[in-house]
Amino acid sequence: EMRPYTEGFLHQRIGALPNLWAPHRSMLSLTVNWTAFDDEGMRCIAENCPVLESCFMDHCEYWTDEVGNIVVERFLNLRRFRMRSS
């Protein structure tokens, strides 16, 4: 049986990037496949993309329980949220 070569690897950990997210205040949808944001990264996205309606994250290996609070308290317009297990 063949396995993907990336199986078992940790993905790149990304923290807060305010200069990246600040120009995207009107973004409605975000899909991230190969990058793992940590708590500060998710907080930064929530602060800089206040009208986000859908958020799909494939990797969450650096999240703590705080991300649940960030999602509920800061993504006020969020209608769709997908987090795959990591």
N, C-alpha and C. Protein backbone atom coordinates (compact mmCIF):
# COMPACT_ATOMS: atom_id res chain seq x y z
N GLU A 1 0.84 -1.17 0.00
CA GLU A 1 0.00 0.00 0.00
C GLU A 1 0.89 1.25 0.00
N MET A 2 0.59 2.18 -0.87
CA MET A 2 1.38 3.41 -0.95
C MET A 2 0.78 4.46 -0.02
N ARG A 3 1.67 5.22 0.62
CA ARG A 3 1.26 6.32 1.48
C ARG A 3 1.82 7.61 0.93
N PRO A 4 1.14 8.74 1.17
CA PRO A 4 1.71 10.03 0.77
C PRO A 4 3.02 10.28 1.51
N TYR A 5 3.99 10.86 0.84
CA TYR A 5 5.28 11.10 1.48
C TYR A 5 5.19 12.08 2.64
N THR A 6 4.13 12.91 2.69
CA THR A 6 4.00 13.90 3.76
C THR A 6 3.32 13.33 5.00
N GLU A 7 2.92 12.07 4.97
CA GLU A 7 2.23 11.49 6.13
C GLU A 7 3.16 11.53 7.34
N GLY A 8 2.64 12.06 8.43
CA GLY A 8 3.43 12.14 9.66
C GLY A 8 4.24 13.41 9.80
N PHE A 9 4.34 14.23 8.78
CA PHE A 9 5.08 15.48 8.86
C PHE A 9 4.21 16.55 9.50
N LEU A 10 4.82 17.44 10.26
CA LEU A 10 4.10 18.60 10.76
C LEU A 10 4.14 19.68 9.69
N HIS A 11 3.07 20.39 9.55
CA HIS A 11 3.00 21.45 8.54
C HIS A 11 3.58 22.74 9.10
N GLN A 12 3.86 23.64 8.21
CA GLN A 12 4.47 24.91 8.59
C GLN A 12 3.55 25.66 9.55
N ARG A 13 4.10 26.10 10.66
CA ARG A 13 3.34 26.82 11.68
C ARG A 13 3.40 28.31 11.37
N ILE A 14 2.23 28.92 11.29
CA ILE A 14 2.14 30.34 10.96
C ILE A 14 1.44 31.07 12.10
N GLY A 15 2.03 32.14 12.56
CA GLY A 15 1.44 32.97 13.61
C GLY A 15 0.73 34.16 13.01
N ALA A 16 0.70 35.24 13.74
CA ALA A 16 0.02 36.46 13.30
C ALA A 16 0.78 37.11 12.14
N LEU A 17 0.06 37.46 11.11
CA LEU A 17 0.62 38.15 9.94
C LEU A 17 -0.28 39.35 9.61
N PRO A 18 -0.28 40.38 10.44
CA PRO A 18 -1.20 41.50 10.22
C PRO A 18 -1.01 42.21 8.89
N ASN A 19 0.22 42.30 8.41
CA ASN A 19 0.45 42.97 7.12
C ASN A 19 -0.14 42.18 5.96
N LEU A 20 -0.25 40.88 6.11
CA LEU A 20 -0.84 40.05 5.07
C LEU A 20 -2.36 40.16 5.07
N TRP A 21 -2.98 40.10 6.26
CA TRP A 21 -4.44 40.05 6.34
C TRP A 21 -5.12 41.42 6.34
N ALA A 22 -4.44 42.48 6.75
CA ALA A 22 -5.07 43.80 6.84
C ALA A 22 -5.71 44.28 5.54
N PRO A 23 -5.12 44.06 4.36
CA PRO A 23 -5.77 44.54 3.14
C PRO A 23 -6.99 43.72 2.72
N HIS A 24 -7.31 42.67 3.46
CA HIS A 24 -8.40 41.77 3.05
C HIS A 24 -9.60 41.85 3.98
N ARG A 25 -9.93 43.05 4.43
CA ARG A 25 -11.04 43.24 5.38
C ARG A 25 -12.39 42.82 4.80
N SER A 26 -12.53 42.82 3.50
CA SER A 26 -13.82 42.46 2.90
C SER A 26 -13.86 41.01 2.40
N MET A 27 -12.85 40.21 2.72
CA MET A 27 -12.82 38.82 2.26
C MET A 27 -13.96 38.04 2.90
N LEU A 28 -14.68 37.27 2.06
CA LEU A 28 -15.82 36.50 2.53
C LEU A 28 -15.50 35.02 2.76
N SER A 29 -14.51 34.48 2.05
CA SER A 29 -14.22 33.06 2.14
C SER A 29 -12.71 32.83 2.20
N LEU A 30 -12.31 31.87 3.02
CA LEU A 30 -10.90 31.54 3.16
C LEU A 30 -10.75 30.02 3.22
N THR A 31 -9.91 29.49 2.35
CA THR A 31 -9.59 28.06 2.35
C THR A 31 -8.07 27.92 2.41
N VAL A 32 -7.59 27.19 3.41
CA VAL A 32 -6.15 26.99 3.58
C VAL A 32 -5.89 25.50 3.64
N ASN A 33 -5.06 25.00 2.72
CA ASN A 33 -4.83 23.57 2.63
C ASN A 33 -3.54 23.09 3.27
N TRP A 34 -2.43 23.78 3.07
CA TRP A 34 -1.13 23.23 3.47
C TRP A 34 -0.43 23.98 4.57
N THR A 35 -1.09 24.94 5.18
CA THR A 35 -0.46 25.73 6.22
C THR A 35 -1.24 25.57 7.52
N ALA A 36 -0.55 25.49 8.63
CA ALA A 36 -1.18 25.35 9.93
C ALA A 36 -1.00 26.64 10.72
N PHE A 37 -2.08 27.36 10.95
CA PHE A 37 -2.04 28.58 11.75
C PHE A 37 -2.09 28.20 13.23
N ASP A 38 -1.40 28.95 14.07
CA ASP A 38 -1.53 28.75 15.50
C ASP A 38 -2.61 29.69 16.03
N ASP A 39 -2.77 29.76 17.35
CA ASP A 39 -3.83 30.59 17.94
C ASP A 39 -3.71 32.06 17.53
N GLU A 40 -2.49 32.59 17.57
CA GLU A 40 -2.28 33.99 17.20
C GLU A 40 -2.58 34.23 15.72
N GLY A 41 -2.27 33.26 14.90
CA GLY A 41 -2.59 33.37 13.48
C GLY A 41 -4.09 33.43 13.25
N MET A 42 -4.85 32.59 13.94
CA MET A 42 -6.31 32.61 13.81
C MET A 42 -6.90 33.90 14.36
N ARG A 43 -6.34 34.40 15.47
CA ARG A 43 -6.82 35.66 16.04
C ARG A 43 -6.57 36.81 15.05
N CYS A 44 -5.43 36.80 14.41
CA CYS A 44 -5.09 37.84 13.45
C CYS A 44 -6.05 37.80 12.25
N ILE A 45 -6.36 36.61 11.76
CA ILE A 45 -7.32 36.48 10.66
C ILE A 45 -8.68 37.02 11.09
N ALA A 46 -9.12 36.64 12.29
CA ALA A 46 -10.42 37.09 12.79
C ALA A 46 -10.48 38.61 12.94
N GLU A 47 -9.41 39.22 13.41
CA GLU A 47 -9.39 40.67 13.59
C GLU A 47 -9.36 41.42 12.27
N ASN A 48 -8.69 40.86 11.28
CA ASN A 48 -8.50 41.57 10.02
C ASN A 48 -9.48 41.18 8.92
N CYS A 49 -10.25 40.14 9.12
CA CYS A 49 -11.25 39.69 8.14
C CYS A 49 -12.60 39.56 8.85
N PRO A 50 -13.17 40.69 9.30
CA PRO A 50 -14.35 40.64 10.17
C PRO A 50 -15.62 40.15 9.48
N VAL A 51 -15.69 40.17 8.16
CA VAL A 51 -16.92 39.75 7.48
C VAL A 51 -16.82 38.34 6.88
N LEU A 52 -15.81 37.59 7.28
CA LEU A 52 -15.61 36.24 6.76
C LEU A 52 -16.86 35.39 7.01
N GLU A 53 -17.36 34.75 5.94
CA GLU A 53 -18.56 33.92 6.03
C GLU A 53 -18.24 32.43 6.00
N SER A 54 -17.13 32.05 5.36
CA SER A 54 -16.75 30.63 5.34
C SER A 54 -15.25 30.51 5.54
N CYS A 55 -14.88 29.51 6.34
CA CYS A 55 -13.49 29.29 6.67
C CYS A 55 -13.23 27.79 6.68
N PHE A 56 -12.32 27.34 5.84
CA PHE A 56 -11.99 25.93 5.73
C PHE A 56 -10.50 25.75 5.99
N MET A 57 -10.18 25.06 7.06
CA MET A 57 -8.80 24.82 7.45
C MET A 57 -8.54 23.31 7.46
N ASP A 58 -7.50 22.90 6.77
CA ASP A 58 -7.18 21.48 6.73
C ASP A 58 -6.21 21.05 7.81
N HIS A 59 -5.50 21.98 8.41
CA HIS A 59 -4.50 21.60 9.41
C HIS A 59 -4.63 22.48 10.65
N CYS A 60 -4.74 21.84 11.78
CA CYS A 60 -4.93 22.57 13.04
C CYS A 60 -4.05 22.02 14.15
N GLU A 61 -2.92 21.45 13.81
CA GLU A 61 -2.10 20.80 14.82
C GLU A 61 -1.50 21.73 15.87
N TYR A 62 -1.53 23.03 15.65
CA TYR A 62 -0.98 23.98 16.62
C TYR A 62 -2.05 24.73 17.40
N TRP A 63 -3.30 24.33 17.26
CA TRP A 63 -4.39 25.02 17.95
C TRP A 63 -4.52 24.54 19.38
N THR A 64 -4.99 25.45 20.23
CA THR A 64 -5.40 25.10 21.58
C THR A 64 -6.89 25.36 21.68
N ASP A 65 -7.45 25.18 22.85
CA ASP A 65 -8.88 25.43 23.04
C ASP A 65 -9.26 26.89 22.78
N GLU A 66 -8.28 27.78 22.85
CA GLU A 66 -8.54 29.21 22.63
C GLU A 66 -9.09 29.47 21.24
N VAL A 67 -8.76 28.67 20.26
CA VAL A 67 -9.26 28.88 18.90
C VAL A 67 -10.78 28.76 18.86
N GLY A 68 -11.34 27.89 19.67
CA GLY A 68 -12.81 27.79 19.75
C GLY A 68 -13.42 29.11 20.18
N ASN A 69 -12.82 29.76 21.18
CA ASN A 69 -13.31 31.07 21.61
C ASN A 69 -13.15 32.11 20.53
N ILE A 70 -12.03 32.07 19.82
CA ILE A 70 -11.79 33.03 18.73
C ILE A 70 -12.86 32.88 17.66
N VAL A 71 -13.14 31.65 17.26
CA VAL A 71 -14.12 31.40 16.20
C VAL A 71 -15.50 31.90 16.63
N VAL A 72 -15.92 31.57 17.84
CA VAL A 72 -17.26 31.93 18.30
C VAL A 72 -17.40 33.43 18.56
N GLU A 73 -16.40 34.04 19.15
CA GLU A 73 -16.51 35.43 19.57
C GLU A 73 -16.14 36.45 18.49
N ARG A 74 -15.30 36.08 17.55
CA ARG A 74 -14.80 37.07 16.60
C ARG A 74 -15.29 36.90 15.17
N PHE A 75 -15.64 35.70 14.77
CA PHE A 75 -16.16 35.48 13.41
C PHE A 75 -17.68 35.58 13.47
N LEU A 76 -18.19 36.79 13.59
CA LEU A 76 -19.62 37.00 13.82
C LEU A 76 -20.48 36.66 12.60
N ASN A 77 -19.94 36.75 11.40
CA ASN A 77 -20.70 36.46 10.18
C ASN A 77 -20.48 35.04 9.67
N LEU A 78 -19.71 34.25 10.38
CA LEU A 78 -19.33 32.92 9.91
C LEU A 78 -20.55 32.01 9.80
N ARG A 79 -20.74 31.44 8.60
CA ARG A 79 -21.84 30.52 8.35
C ARG A 79 -21.34 29.10 8.13
N ARG A 80 -20.13 28.96 7.59
CA ARG A 80 -19.54 27.64 7.33
C ARG A 80 -18.11 27.60 7.88
N PHE A 81 -17.85 26.56 8.65
CA PHE A 81 -16.52 26.40 9.22
C PHE A 81 -16.17 24.92 9.17
N ARG A 82 -15.03 24.61 8.55
CA ARG A 82 -14.58 23.22 8.50
C ARG A 82 -13.15 23.16 9.02
N MET A 83 -12.96 22.24 9.95
CA MET A 83 -11.63 22.00 10.48
C MET A 83 -11.42 20.50 10.41
N ARG A 84 -10.44 20.10 9.64
CA ARG A 84 -10.11 18.68 9.57
C ARG A 84 -9.17 18.31 10.70
N SER A 85 -9.28 17.11 11.16
CA SER A 85 -8.42 16.69 12.26
C SER A 85 -6.97 16.61 11.81
N SER A 86 -6.07 16.92 12.70
CA SER A 86 -4.64 16.88 12.40
C SER A 86 -3.95 16.00 13.40
